[in-house]
Structure formats: structure tokens, C-alpha cells
N, C-alpha and C. Protein backbone atom coordinates (compact mmCIF):
# COMPACT_ATOMS: atom_id res chain seq x y z
N MET A 1 57.31 135.94 -3.45
CA MET A 1 55.87 135.86 -3.33
C MET A 1 55.43 134.43 -3.64
N LEU A 2 54.46 133.96 -2.91
CA LEU A 2 53.96 132.60 -3.00
C LEU A 2 52.46 132.64 -3.25
N ALA A 3 51.95 131.70 -4.02
CA ALA A 3 50.51 131.64 -4.28
C ALA A 3 50.06 130.19 -4.35
N VAL A 4 48.81 129.96 -3.98
CA VAL A 4 48.17 128.67 -4.17
C VAL A 4 47.09 128.91 -5.21
N VAL A 5 47.21 128.20 -6.34
CA VAL A 5 46.30 128.41 -7.46
C VAL A 5 45.59 127.10 -7.79
N LYS A 6 44.34 127.21 -8.25
CA LYS A 6 43.54 126.05 -8.61
C LYS A 6 43.57 125.91 -10.13
N ILE A 7 44.12 124.77 -10.59
CA ILE A 7 44.23 124.51 -12.02
C ILE A 7 43.58 123.15 -12.29
N ALA A 8 42.52 123.16 -13.08
CA ALA A 8 41.81 121.94 -13.49
C ALA A 8 41.38 121.11 -12.29
N GLY A 9 40.90 121.77 -11.23
CA GLY A 9 40.39 121.07 -10.07
C GLY A 9 41.43 120.65 -9.05
N GLN A 10 42.70 120.94 -9.30
CA GLN A 10 43.76 120.60 -8.36
C GLN A 10 44.45 121.88 -7.88
N GLN A 11 44.96 121.85 -6.66
CA GLN A 11 45.63 123.01 -6.08
C GLN A 11 47.14 122.83 -6.17
N PHE A 12 47.82 123.91 -6.60
CA PHE A 12 49.26 123.90 -6.74
C PHE A 12 49.85 125.10 -6.01
N LYS A 13 50.94 124.88 -5.27
CA LYS A 13 51.67 125.96 -4.61
C LYS A 13 52.77 126.40 -5.57
N VAL A 14 52.76 127.68 -5.98
CA VAL A 14 53.69 128.15 -7.00
C VAL A 14 54.41 129.42 -6.55
N LYS A 15 55.60 129.60 -7.11
CA LYS A 15 56.39 130.82 -6.98
C LYS A 15 56.81 131.21 -8.39
N ALA A 16 57.23 132.44 -8.57
CA ALA A 16 57.71 132.88 -9.88
C ALA A 16 58.96 132.08 -10.23
N GLY A 17 58.99 131.54 -11.45
CA GLY A 17 60.12 130.75 -11.90
C GLY A 17 59.94 129.25 -11.75
N ASP A 18 58.89 128.80 -11.05
CA ASP A 18 58.64 127.37 -10.88
C ASP A 18 58.17 126.76 -12.20
N SER A 19 58.56 125.51 -12.43
CA SER A 19 58.00 124.77 -13.55
C SER A 19 57.31 123.54 -12.98
N LEU A 20 56.13 123.22 -13.52
CA LEU A 20 55.37 122.10 -12.99
C LEU A 20 54.53 121.46 -14.07
N TYR A 21 54.10 120.24 -13.78
CA TYR A 21 53.25 119.48 -14.68
C TYR A 21 51.82 119.55 -14.16
N VAL A 22 50.91 120.03 -15.00
CA VAL A 22 49.51 120.18 -14.62
C VAL A 22 48.65 119.35 -15.59
N PRO A 23 47.41 119.02 -15.21
CA PRO A 23 46.54 118.32 -16.16
C PRO A 23 46.42 119.10 -17.46
N HIS A 24 46.21 118.41 -18.55
CA HIS A 24 46.30 118.98 -19.90
C HIS A 24 45.49 120.27 -20.06
N ILE A 25 46.16 121.28 -20.59
CA ILE A 25 45.58 122.60 -20.88
C ILE A 25 45.70 122.83 -22.38
N GLU A 26 44.63 123.34 -22.99
CA GLU A 26 44.67 123.62 -24.42
C GLU A 26 45.65 124.75 -24.70
N GLY A 27 46.47 124.58 -25.69
CA GLY A 27 47.44 125.59 -26.09
C GLY A 27 48.66 124.93 -26.68
N LYS A 28 49.50 125.75 -27.31
CA LYS A 28 50.72 125.25 -27.94
C LYS A 28 51.93 125.71 -27.13
N ALA A 29 53.06 125.09 -27.38
CA ALA A 29 54.30 125.45 -26.70
C ALA A 29 54.64 126.90 -27.03
N GLY A 30 54.96 127.68 -26.00
CA GLY A 30 55.28 129.09 -26.17
C GLY A 30 54.12 130.03 -25.87
N ASP A 31 52.90 129.51 -25.77
CA ASP A 31 51.74 130.34 -25.47
C ASP A 31 51.77 130.81 -24.01
N SER A 32 51.21 131.98 -23.76
CA SER A 32 51.08 132.51 -22.41
C SER A 32 49.66 132.25 -21.91
N ILE A 33 49.54 131.88 -20.65
CA ILE A 33 48.24 131.63 -20.05
C ILE A 33 48.17 132.31 -18.70
N GLU A 34 46.95 132.59 -18.24
CA GLU A 34 46.73 133.22 -16.94
C GLU A 34 45.76 132.37 -16.13
N PHE A 35 46.02 132.29 -14.84
CA PHE A 35 45.13 131.60 -13.92
C PHE A 35 44.62 132.62 -12.92
N SER A 36 43.32 132.86 -12.93
CA SER A 36 42.74 133.87 -12.05
C SER A 36 42.13 133.26 -10.79
N ASP A 37 42.06 131.94 -10.72
CA ASP A 37 41.47 131.27 -9.56
C ASP A 37 42.55 131.04 -8.50
N VAL A 38 42.97 132.14 -7.85
CA VAL A 38 44.03 132.09 -6.83
C VAL A 38 43.36 132.00 -5.46
N LEU A 39 43.77 131.03 -4.66
CA LEU A 39 43.15 130.79 -3.37
C LEU A 39 43.88 131.47 -2.22
N LEU A 40 45.19 131.67 -2.36
CA LEU A 40 45.99 132.23 -1.28
C LEU A 40 47.21 132.91 -1.86
N THR A 41 47.60 134.06 -1.28
CA THR A 41 48.86 134.70 -1.63
C THR A 41 49.61 135.02 -0.35
N GLN A 42 50.93 134.93 -0.43
CA GLN A 42 51.78 135.24 0.71
C GLN A 42 52.94 136.08 0.22
N ASN A 43 53.12 137.24 0.85
CA ASN A 43 54.23 138.11 0.53
C ASN A 43 54.91 138.44 1.85
N GLY A 44 55.98 137.71 2.16
CA GLY A 44 56.62 137.86 3.47
C GLY A 44 55.72 137.30 4.54
N SER A 45 55.34 138.15 5.51
CA SER A 45 54.44 137.70 6.57
C SER A 45 52.98 138.08 6.29
N ASN A 46 52.74 138.75 5.17
CA ASN A 46 51.38 139.17 4.79
C ASN A 46 50.71 138.04 4.01
N VAL A 47 49.65 137.44 4.58
CA VAL A 47 48.93 136.34 3.95
C VAL A 47 47.50 136.80 3.67
N ILE A 48 47.06 136.59 2.41
CA ILE A 48 45.70 136.95 2.02
C ILE A 48 45.02 135.69 1.50
N THR A 49 43.81 135.39 2.02
CA THR A 49 43.07 134.21 1.59
C THR A 49 41.63 134.58 1.29
N GLY A 50 40.91 133.63 0.75
CA GLY A 50 39.47 133.79 0.53
C GLY A 50 39.14 134.69 -0.63
N THR A 51 38.05 135.43 -0.50
CA THR A 51 37.56 136.28 -1.59
C THR A 51 38.35 137.57 -1.71
N ASN A 52 39.25 137.86 -0.77
CA ASN A 52 40.04 139.08 -0.83
C ASN A 52 41.21 138.99 -1.81
N VAL A 53 41.50 137.80 -2.31
CA VAL A 53 42.63 137.61 -3.21
C VAL A 53 42.27 138.12 -4.60
N THR A 54 43.07 139.05 -5.12
CA THR A 54 42.84 139.59 -6.47
C THR A 54 44.04 139.34 -7.37
N ALA A 55 44.87 138.38 -7.03
CA ALA A 55 46.08 138.11 -7.79
C ALA A 55 45.78 137.28 -9.03
N VAL A 56 46.70 137.34 -9.99
CA VAL A 56 46.64 136.56 -11.22
C VAL A 56 48.00 135.91 -11.41
N VAL A 57 48.01 134.62 -11.71
CA VAL A 57 49.26 133.90 -11.96
C VAL A 57 49.43 133.78 -13.46
N LYS A 58 50.57 134.27 -13.96
CA LYS A 58 50.88 134.20 -15.39
C LYS A 58 51.90 133.11 -15.62
N ALA A 59 51.68 132.32 -16.67
CA ALA A 59 52.56 131.19 -16.96
C ALA A 59 52.75 131.05 -18.46
N GLU A 60 53.77 130.26 -18.81
CA GLU A 60 54.08 129.99 -20.21
C GLU A 60 54.11 128.47 -20.40
N ILE A 61 53.54 128.00 -21.50
CA ILE A 61 53.52 126.57 -21.78
C ILE A 61 54.86 126.18 -22.38
N LEU A 62 55.55 125.23 -21.73
CA LEU A 62 56.83 124.75 -22.24
C LEU A 62 56.63 123.57 -23.19
N THR A 63 55.85 122.59 -22.78
CA THR A 63 55.53 121.42 -23.61
C THR A 63 54.04 121.21 -23.54
N ASP A 64 53.39 121.12 -24.71
CA ASP A 64 51.94 121.10 -24.72
C ASP A 64 51.31 119.76 -24.36
N LEU A 65 51.98 118.63 -24.60
CA LEU A 65 51.35 117.35 -24.29
C LEU A 65 52.41 116.34 -23.86
N ILE A 66 52.25 115.83 -22.65
CA ILE A 66 53.11 114.79 -22.11
C ILE A 66 52.21 113.72 -21.53
N LYS A 67 52.52 112.47 -21.80
CA LYS A 67 51.73 111.38 -21.25
C LYS A 67 52.41 110.84 -20.00
N GLY A 68 51.62 110.60 -18.97
CA GLY A 68 52.14 110.05 -17.72
C GLY A 68 52.33 108.54 -17.82
N ASN A 69 52.66 107.94 -16.72
CA ASN A 69 52.84 106.49 -16.67
C ASN A 69 51.52 105.77 -16.91
N LYS A 70 51.60 104.57 -17.47
CA LYS A 70 50.40 103.80 -17.74
C LYS A 70 49.84 103.24 -16.44
N VAL A 71 48.53 103.41 -16.25
CA VAL A 71 47.82 102.90 -15.08
C VAL A 71 46.90 101.79 -15.58
N ILE A 72 47.03 100.61 -14.99
CA ILE A 72 46.24 99.46 -15.43
C ILE A 72 45.21 99.11 -14.35
N ALA A 73 43.96 99.00 -14.78
CA ALA A 73 42.88 98.57 -13.89
C ALA A 73 42.47 97.18 -14.33
N PHE A 74 42.66 96.20 -13.48
CA PHE A 74 42.34 94.81 -13.80
C PHE A 74 41.21 94.35 -12.89
N LYS A 75 40.12 93.90 -13.50
CA LYS A 75 38.98 93.41 -12.74
C LYS A 75 38.81 91.93 -12.99
N MET A 76 38.48 91.20 -11.93
CA MET A 76 38.36 89.75 -12.05
C MET A 76 37.37 89.24 -11.00
N LYS A 77 36.54 88.30 -11.40
CA LYS A 77 35.67 87.61 -10.45
C LYS A 77 36.08 86.14 -10.43
N ARG A 78 36.44 85.68 -9.28
CA ARG A 78 36.97 84.33 -9.20
C ARG A 78 35.88 83.29 -9.49
N ARG A 79 36.31 82.22 -10.09
CA ARG A 79 35.48 81.06 -10.44
C ARG A 79 34.37 81.40 -11.45
N LYS A 80 34.38 82.56 -12.05
CA LYS A 80 33.33 82.92 -13.01
C LYS A 80 33.87 83.07 -14.43
N GLY A 81 35.17 83.15 -14.58
CA GLY A 81 35.76 83.34 -15.90
C GLY A 81 35.71 84.78 -16.38
N PHE A 82 35.43 85.70 -15.47
CA PHE A 82 35.34 87.12 -15.84
C PHE A 82 36.67 87.81 -15.58
N ARG A 83 37.26 88.35 -16.63
CA ARG A 83 38.49 89.14 -16.51
C ARG A 83 38.39 90.31 -17.46
N LYS A 84 38.72 91.49 -16.95
CA LYS A 84 38.69 92.69 -17.77
C LYS A 84 39.95 93.51 -17.46
N LYS A 85 40.69 93.87 -18.50
CA LYS A 85 41.90 94.66 -18.34
C LYS A 85 41.71 95.98 -19.07
N HIS A 86 41.92 97.07 -18.34
CA HIS A 86 41.71 98.40 -18.89
C HIS A 86 42.89 99.26 -18.44
N GLY A 87 43.46 100.04 -19.36
CA GLY A 87 44.57 100.91 -19.00
C GLY A 87 44.42 102.28 -19.62
N HIS A 88 45.10 103.25 -19.03
CA HIS A 88 45.08 104.61 -19.59
C HIS A 88 46.36 105.34 -19.18
N ARG A 89 46.67 106.39 -19.92
CA ARG A 89 47.81 107.26 -19.62
C ARG A 89 47.29 108.68 -19.51
N THR A 90 47.44 109.30 -18.36
CA THR A 90 46.96 110.65 -18.13
C THR A 90 47.83 111.65 -18.90
N GLN A 91 47.19 112.67 -19.47
CA GLN A 91 47.90 113.67 -20.25
C GLN A 91 48.19 114.89 -19.39
N TYR A 92 49.41 115.42 -19.50
CA TYR A 92 49.86 116.57 -18.73
C TYR A 92 50.40 117.65 -19.64
N THR A 93 50.48 118.86 -19.11
CA THR A 93 51.11 119.99 -19.78
C THR A 93 52.20 120.52 -18.87
N HIS A 94 53.37 120.80 -19.43
CA HIS A 94 54.50 121.32 -18.65
C HIS A 94 54.48 122.85 -18.78
N ILE A 95 54.31 123.55 -17.65
CA ILE A 95 54.25 125.01 -17.67
C ILE A 95 55.33 125.60 -16.77
N LYS A 96 55.65 126.86 -17.02
CA LYS A 96 56.60 127.60 -16.19
C LYS A 96 55.91 128.89 -15.75
N VAL A 97 55.88 129.12 -14.43
CA VAL A 97 55.24 130.31 -13.88
C VAL A 97 56.18 131.49 -14.09
N THR A 98 55.69 132.52 -14.76
CA THR A 98 56.53 133.68 -15.04
C THR A 98 56.35 134.80 -14.02
N ALA A 99 55.11 135.00 -13.56
CA ALA A 99 54.87 136.10 -12.62
C ALA A 99 53.60 135.87 -11.83
N ILE A 100 53.56 136.47 -10.64
CA ILE A 100 52.35 136.51 -9.82
C ILE A 100 52.04 137.99 -9.62
N ALA A 101 50.95 138.42 -10.22
CA ALA A 101 50.60 139.85 -10.18
C ALA A 101 49.35 140.07 -9.36
């Protein structure tokens, strides 16, 4: 069974047993979470989309906080002496999909 689920404004294609990195979700390692915002389900050749989807994706948090690569934003205006350097590291959560019900 396959599902497309919306997590923190992003869409992910998941199957039972998949592990993926999603934007940071509150919780500790070992906690169970459910995602009810399922956009599409596919079971063999049977595809259900839109408001008819009543599935729930259940997952387990493997690692609660992981930082991504550093992204640097550098702004500069030539001949003006203006330089600004700003960087950030996006936070992720590592989850494992246990079931699609």
C-alpha cells in the first residue's frame, strides 16, 4: 500500500517500513505519531484521492532532532561597502512509517 501524506506543508510518498527525514516534529525518540492529512492512497490498482481518503499514517520517531547542512545567504551591494552574511541549519526529525491504516 502506498500513500501521499502532507507533513509540515510538504508532501511525502510513503510505504509501510519507509524511513525518512521530515521537518522538525515535536516529540522524543520512540514516540508514536499519526498523520491524518493523507492526500492519496493506492492499493494495487485501486487509487483513492481527494476528500474520499480516510486513511491514517502511523509512524515512530527514530531521532528527534537532526540538523541539516549549513545554508549561507550572503548579500552585498557593490561600491557601497555593504556586506551581510547570514546562515542557518534546518532542523529535521527522522521517522519510520509503521503502518497505513
